[in-house]
Structure formats: structure tokens, C-alpha cells
Protein backbone atom coordinates (compact mmCIF):
# COMPACT_ATOMS: atom_id res chain seq x y z
CA MET A 1 -37.57 0.33 -13.02
CA ARG A 2 -34.02 -0.97 -13.48
CA GLY A 3 -32.71 2.59 -13.14
CA TRP A 4 -33.76 2.62 -9.47
CA ALA A 5 -31.81 -0.51 -8.48
CA PRO A 6 -28.39 1.20 -8.16
CA LEU A 7 -29.93 4.09 -6.20
CA LEU A 8 -31.73 1.68 -3.89
CA ALA A 9 -28.50 -0.26 -3.31
CA LEU A 10 -26.69 2.97 -2.41
CA ALA A 11 -29.50 4.05 -0.09
CA LEU A 12 -29.55 0.71 1.71
CA ALA A 13 -25.76 0.55 2.07
CA GLY A 14 -25.92 2.84 5.10
CA CYS A 15 -28.88 1.15 6.77
CA PRO A 16 -28.26 -0.71 10.02
CA PRO A 17 -27.96 -4.46 9.52
CA GLY A 18 -30.41 -7.00 10.82
CA ASP A 19 -29.69 -9.22 13.83
CA ASP A 20 -28.34 -12.00 11.60
CA ASP A 21 -25.91 -9.76 9.72
CA PRO A 22 -22.33 -10.14 11.08
CA VAL A 23 -21.17 -6.82 9.56
CA GLY A 24 -21.84 -3.64 11.53
CA PRO A 25 -23.31 -0.49 10.04
CA GLY A 26 -19.88 1.07 9.52
CA GLU A 27 -18.19 -1.11 6.90
CA LEU A 28 -14.91 0.35 5.62
CA VAL A 29 -15.10 1.02 1.88
CA LEU A 30 -12.16 3.31 1.05
CA VAL A 31 -8.76 4.43 2.31
CA ILE A 32 -6.67 7.20 0.77
CA PRO A 33 -3.87 6.78 -0.09
CA ALA A 34 -4.63 3.24 -1.22
CA ASP A 35 -2.45 0.39 0.00
CA GLY A 36 0.81 0.24 -1.94
CA THR A 37 0.53 3.72 -3.46
CA SER A 38 3.82 5.43 -4.19
CA ASP A 39 4.66 9.04 -4.99
CA VAL A 40 2.06 10.30 -2.51
CA PRO A 41 2.42 14.07 -2.05
CA PRO A 42 3.93 14.80 1.39
CA THR A 43 1.03 17.22 1.96
CA GLN A 44 -1.59 14.43 1.54
CA ASP A 45 -3.93 13.59 4.43
CA VAL A 46 -4.85 9.99 5.25
CA THR A 47 -8.60 9.47 4.79
CA ALA A 48 -10.98 6.59 5.51
CA GLU A 49 -14.62 6.20 4.48
CA TRP A 50 -17.28 3.86 5.81
CA THR A 51 -20.80 2.98 4.65
CA ALA A 52 -22.24 4.72 7.73
CA PRO A 53 -20.98 6.89 10.58
CA VAL A 54 -18.51 5.21 12.96
CA LEU A 55 -17.05 6.09 16.35
CA GLY A 56 -13.74 5.45 18.08
CA VAL A 57 -11.63 5.89 14.94
CA SER A 58 -7.89 5.64 15.51
CA PHE A 59 -5.07 6.11 13.01
CA ALA A 60 -1.63 4.83 14.05
CA VAL A 61 0.80 6.13 11.42
CA THR A 62 4.44 5.05 11.55
CA ASP A 63 7.62 5.22 9.49
CA ALA A 64 10.97 3.48 10.07
CA ASP A 65 11.71 5.88 12.93
CA GLY A 66 8.48 5.13 14.81
CA PRO A 67 5.14 6.88 15.33
CA THR A 68 4.29 9.95 13.26
CA PRO A 69 2.47 12.59 15.32
CA GLY A 70 -0.74 13.99 13.91
CA SER A 71 -4.44 14.50 14.54
CA ARG A 72 -7.68 13.01 13.30
CA GLN A 73 -10.86 14.79 12.34
CA GLU A 74 -14.41 13.67 11.69
CA VAL A 75 -15.67 14.86 8.31
CA GLY A 76 -19.39 15.49 7.87
CA ASP A 77 -21.65 12.89 9.47
CA GLY A 78 -18.83 10.67 10.75
CA SER A 79 -18.71 8.25 7.84
CA VAL A 80 -15.46 9.89 6.70
CA TRP A 81 -12.46 10.50 8.96
CA ALA A 82 -9.19 12.20 8.07
CA TRP A 83 -5.78 12.13 9.72
CA GLN A 84 -3.20 14.85 9.17
CA PRO A 85 0.43 14.74 10.29
CA ASP A 86 1.83 17.60 12.35
CA GLY A 87 3.45 19.33 9.38
CA ASP A 88 4.01 17.41 6.14
CA PHE A 89 5.01 13.79 5.73
CA GLU A 90 8.72 13.29 5.13
CA PRO A 91 9.46 12.98 1.40
CA LEU A 92 10.56 9.65 -0.07
CA THR A 93 9.50 7.74 3.06
CA ASP A 94 7.56 4.52 3.61
CA TYR A 95 4.58 4.82 5.98
CA THR A 96 2.31 2.20 7.52
CA VAL A 97 -1.17 3.00 8.82
CA VAL A 98 -3.11 0.85 11.28
CA LEU A 99 -6.76 1.86 11.33
CA THR A 100 -9.24 0.81 14.04
CA TRP A 101 -12.79 1.83 14.96
CA LEU A 102 -15.55 0.73 17.32
CA GLY A 103 -17.34 -2.23 15.81
CA GLY A 104 -14.47 -3.07 13.48
CA SER A 105 -13.49 -6.70 13.91
CA ASP A 106 -9.78 -6.42 13.07
CA PRO A 107 -7.43 -3.49 12.50
CA ILE A 108 -6.89 -2.55 8.87
CA THR A 109 -3.26 -2.06 7.86
CA PHE A 110 -2.12 -0.33 4.69
CA ALA A 111 1.09 1.30 3.50
CA PHE A 112 2.19 4.05 1.15
CA THR A 113 5.35 5.86 0.09
CA THR A 114 5.64 9.59 -0.23
CA GLY A 115 7.16 11.31 -3.24
CA GLU A 116 9.41 14.34 -3.37
CA LEU A 117 8.36 17.75 -2.13
CA ALA A 118 7.24 20.04 -4.94
CA PRO A 119 9.76 22.86 -5.44
CA ALA A 120 8.68 26.19 -3.97
CA GLY A 121 6.75 28.16 -6.55
CA ASP A 122 6.04 25.04 -8.61
CA ASP A 123 2.42 26.12 -9.09
CA ASP A 124 3.69 29.02 -11.24
CA ASP A 125 2.04 31.93 -9.47
CA SER A 126 4.60 34.29 -10.99
CA GLY A 127 1.96 36.25 -12.85
CA ASP A 128 3.93 35.89 -16.09
CA ASP A 129 1.30 34.20 -18.21
CA ASP A 130 2.91 34.75 -21.58
CA ASP A 131 5.36 32.16 -22.84
CA SER A 132 7.87 34.69 -24.21
CA GLY A 133 10.23 34.15 -21.28
CA GLN A 134 10.39 37.90 -20.63
């Protein structure tokens, strides 16, 4: 029976709380990139995941020059939301994200730093699969 305990805990994680529970059904469990991450690819989206679907999600993304324009998107059932900048993030730049949602008690703030842009063609799609250099 012990094998069922982790599955039961996961199943109950998304259940609405009782009247005495101060935490709402959408408890934040993950942000990507994680707070303090460096060398984040400039093509990376910002993603947040909750234990259950949430509404009213807002991402305020800023760098030293001010707000970074972008758009948010609900993923799946609404327990995951993603934010994508208009274009790529600037390389070698510090960003701060302030995340809010309906039912969230306080905004969540986290920061990350982007790395360098990968050189064009860095994924080696040249078709030259032999290592002879010819």
C-alpha cells in the first residue's frame, strides 16, 4: 500500500482546499527560469506552474531600461502559463519578473540573467556529418 501514498498526494495536490485552509487551489510550485539563474538562453520563455488552474495571471518583465513587451499564454488546463517577449530577450541582460494571479496573496518576484546569443548555424545543420573537415 505504501506505493499508493505518493500518487494519492499528487492527486490531492490539485483538489480545492477546505474552508479552514488559507491557501487557494492554485499554489505556485515552479517558475522557469528559476530565481537567480544565469546564462539563460535569450530565446527562453518565462513559465509558471501551479497546483491547479489559476486565472488573472500577469507577468511584468523588466530590465534596466524598463518594461519588456511580450505576451502571456495559458498552457493546457490553466495550471501552467507562459510569457514570451516580443522577439528574443537581450543577451547578457538582467531581468526581473513580477508574477501575480487571482487568489495569490502577494506578488512573486524573481530574477534571471540571459547569456549570449548562439552563433547562427551553431546547431550544425550543414549536412557535413563526417569529421574529415572536407
